[in-house]
C-alpha atoms as a PDB file:
ATOM      1  CA  UNK A   1     -34.493 216.416-138.474  1.00  0.00           C
ATOM      2  CA  UNK A   2     -34.899 213.098-136.694  1.00  0.00           C
ATOM      3  CA  UNK A   3     -36.525 213.567-133.341  1.00  0.00           C
ATOM      4  CA  UNK A   4     -35.134 211.874-130.244  1.00  0.00           C
ATOM      5  CA  UNK A   5     -35.430 212.972-126.625  1.00  0.00           C
ATOM      6  CA  UNK A   6     -33.136 215.849-125.623  1.00  0.00           C
ATOM      7  CA  UNK A   7     -31.653 213.798-122.794  1.00  0.00           C
ATOM      8  CA  UNK A   8     -30.656 211.095-125.324  1.00  0.00           C
ATOM      9  CA  UNK A   9     -28.896 213.428-127.758  1.00  0.00           C
ATOM     10  CA  UNK A  10     -25.471 213.703-126.105  1.00  0.00           C
ATOM     11  CA  UNK A  11     -25.259 209.972-125.484  1.00  0.00           C
ATOM     12  CA  UNK A  12     -26.442 209.311-129.035  1.00  0.00           C
ATOM     13  CA  UNK A  13     -23.382 211.134-130.301  1.00  0.00           C
ATOM     14  CA  UNK A  14     -21.208 208.615-128.470  1.00  0.00           C
ATOM     15  CA  UNK A  15     -23.158 205.357-128.489  1.00  0.00           C
ATOM     16  CA  UNK A  16     -26.048 204.873-130.877  1.00  0.00           C
ATOM     17  CA  UNK A  17     -28.776 202.493-129.737  1.00  0.00           C
ATOM     18  CA  UNK A  18     -31.575 203.015-132.241  1.00  0.00           C
ATOM     19  CA  UNK A  19     -32.245 203.905-135.854  1.00  0.00           C
ATOM     20  CA  UNK A  20     -33.540 207.297-134.700  1.00  0.00           C
ATOM     21  CA  UNK A  21     -30.294 207.999-132.865  1.00  0.00           C
ATOM     22  CA  UNK A  22     -28.254 206.942-135.900  1.00  0.00           C
ATOM     23  CA  UNK A  23     -30.348 209.275-138.064  1.00  0.00           C
ATOM     24  CA  UNK A  24     -29.857 212.086-135.523  1.00  0.00           C
ATOM     25  CA  UNK A  25     -26.063 211.608-135.490  1.00  0.00           C
ATOM     26  CA  UNK A  26     -25.843 211.644-139.297  1.00  0.00           C
ATOM     27  CA  UNK A  27     -28.033 214.762-139.399  1.00  0.00           C
ATOM     28  CA  UNK A  28     -25.809 216.556-136.872  1.00  0.00           C
ATOM     29  CA  UNK A  29     -22.718 215.721-138.967  1.00  0.00           C
ATOM     30  CA  UNK A  30     -24.422 217.074-142.086  1.00  0.00           C
ATOM     31  CA  UNK A  31     -25.509 220.260-140.304  1.00  0.00           C
ATOM     32  CA  UNK A  32     -21.943 220.778-139.074  1.00  0.00           C
ATOM     33  CA  UNK A  33     -20.568 220.318-142.599  1.00  0.00           C
ATOM     34  CA  UNK A  34     -23.060 222.863-143.959  1.00  0.00           C
ATOM     35  CA  UNK A  35     -22.183 225.346-141.201  1.00  0.00           C
ATOM     36  CA  UNK A  36     -18.460 225.014-141.962  1.00  0.00           C
ATOM     37  CA  UNK A  37     -18.813 225.128-145.766  1.00  0.00           C
ATOM     38  CA  UNK A  38     -21.920 227.334-146.204  1.00  0.00           C
ATOM     39  CA  UNK A  39     -24.994 226.150-148.040  1.00  0.00           C
ATOM     40  CA  UNK A  40     -24.337 225.936-151.761  1.00  0.00           C
ATOM     41  CA  UNK A  41     -24.847 223.573-154.642  1.00  0.00           C
ATOM     42  CA  UNK A  42     -21.313 222.246-154.068  1.00  0.00           C
ATOM     43  CA  UNK A  43     -21.959 221.594-150.377  1.00  0.00           C
ATOM     44  CA  UNK A  44     -25.213 219.796-151.155  1.00  0.00           C
ATOM     45  CA  UNK A  45     -23.401 217.768-153.822  1.00  0.00           C
ATOM     46  CA  UNK A  46     -20.585 216.938-151.382  1.00  0.00           C
ATOM     47  CA  UNK A  47     -23.064 215.687-148.780  1.00  0.00           C
ATOM     48  CA  UNK A  48     -25.135 213.636-151.214  1.00  0.00           C
ATOM     49  CA  UNK A  49     -21.964 212.138-152.692  1.00  0.00           C
ATOM     50  CA  UNK A  50     -20.626 211.212-149.263  1.00  0.00           C
ATOM     51  CA  UNK A  51     -23.942 209.627-148.253  1.00  0.00           C
ATOM     52  CA  UNK A  52     -24.184 207.654-151.498  1.00  0.00           C
ATOM     53  CA  UNK A  53     -20.543 206.556-151.200  1.00  0.00           C
ATOM     54  CA  UNK A  54     -21.026 205.460-147.593  1.00  0.00           C
ATOM     55  CA  UNK A  55     -24.205 203.635-148.571  1.00  0.00           C
ATOM     56  CA  UNK A  56     -22.501 201.826-151.441  1.00  0.00           C
ATOM     57  CA  UNK A  57     -19.496 200.874-149.302  1.00  0.00           C
ATOM     58  CA  UNK A  58     -21.729 199.639-146.477  1.00  0.00           C
ATOM     59  CA  UNK A  59     -23.697 197.525-148.945  1.00  0.00           C
ATOM     60  CA  UNK A  60     -20.533 196.092-150.511  1.00  0.00           C
ATOM     61  CA  UNK A  61     -18.668 195.420-147.270  1.00  0.00           C
ATOM     62  CA  UNK A  62     -21.522 194.465-144.896  1.00  0.00           C
ATOM     63  CA  UNK A  63     -24.785 193.642-146.694  1.00  0.00           C
ATOM     64  CA  UNK A  64     -23.379 191.497-149.515  1.00  0.00           C
ATOM     65  CA  UNK A  65     -21.295 189.222-147.238  1.00  0.00           C
ATOM     66  CA  UNK A  66     -24.295 188.880-144.906  1.00  0.00           C
ATOM     67  CA  UNK A  67     -26.561 187.921-147.796  1.00  0.00           C
ATOM     68  CA  UNK A  68     -23.959 185.428-149.065  1.00  0.00           C
ATOM     69  CA  UNK A  69     -23.766 183.859-145.598  1.00  0.00           C
ATOM     70  CA  UNK A  70     -27.560 183.545-145.474  1.00  0.00           C
ATOM     71  CA  UNK A  71     -27.629 181.965-148.939  1.00  0.00           C
ATOM     72  CA  UNK A  72     -25.083 179.402-147.722  1.00  0.00           C
ATOM     73  CA  UNK A  73     -27.087 178.743-144.572  1.00  0.00           C
ATOM     74  CA  UNK A  74     -30.621 178.682-146.002  1.00  0.00           C
ATOM     75  CA  UNK A  75     -30.122 177.982-149.690  1.00  0.00           C
ATOM     76  CA  UNK A  76     -30.552 180.222-152.689  1.00  0.00           C
ATOM     77  CA  UNK A  77     -33.964 181.224-154.015  1.00  0.00           C
ATOM     78  CA  UNK A  78     -32.873 181.634-157.601  1.00  0.00           C
END
């Protein structure tokens, strides 16, 4: 469980300002999914699949274009 101050938790659900708050929000979503679906191999697999899918989509849609922009700006290393 990521640890952020109790007074920051409610706001962190609405407006995330730090990596710790982002981690907290993701953890709360996962805990809610487990509570609704019960802990099982399938639930664990669902969560890991969703996290990996979100990670891959974020990389494809955000990180790759950013890296391409930086290559254009600063030149390629390879």
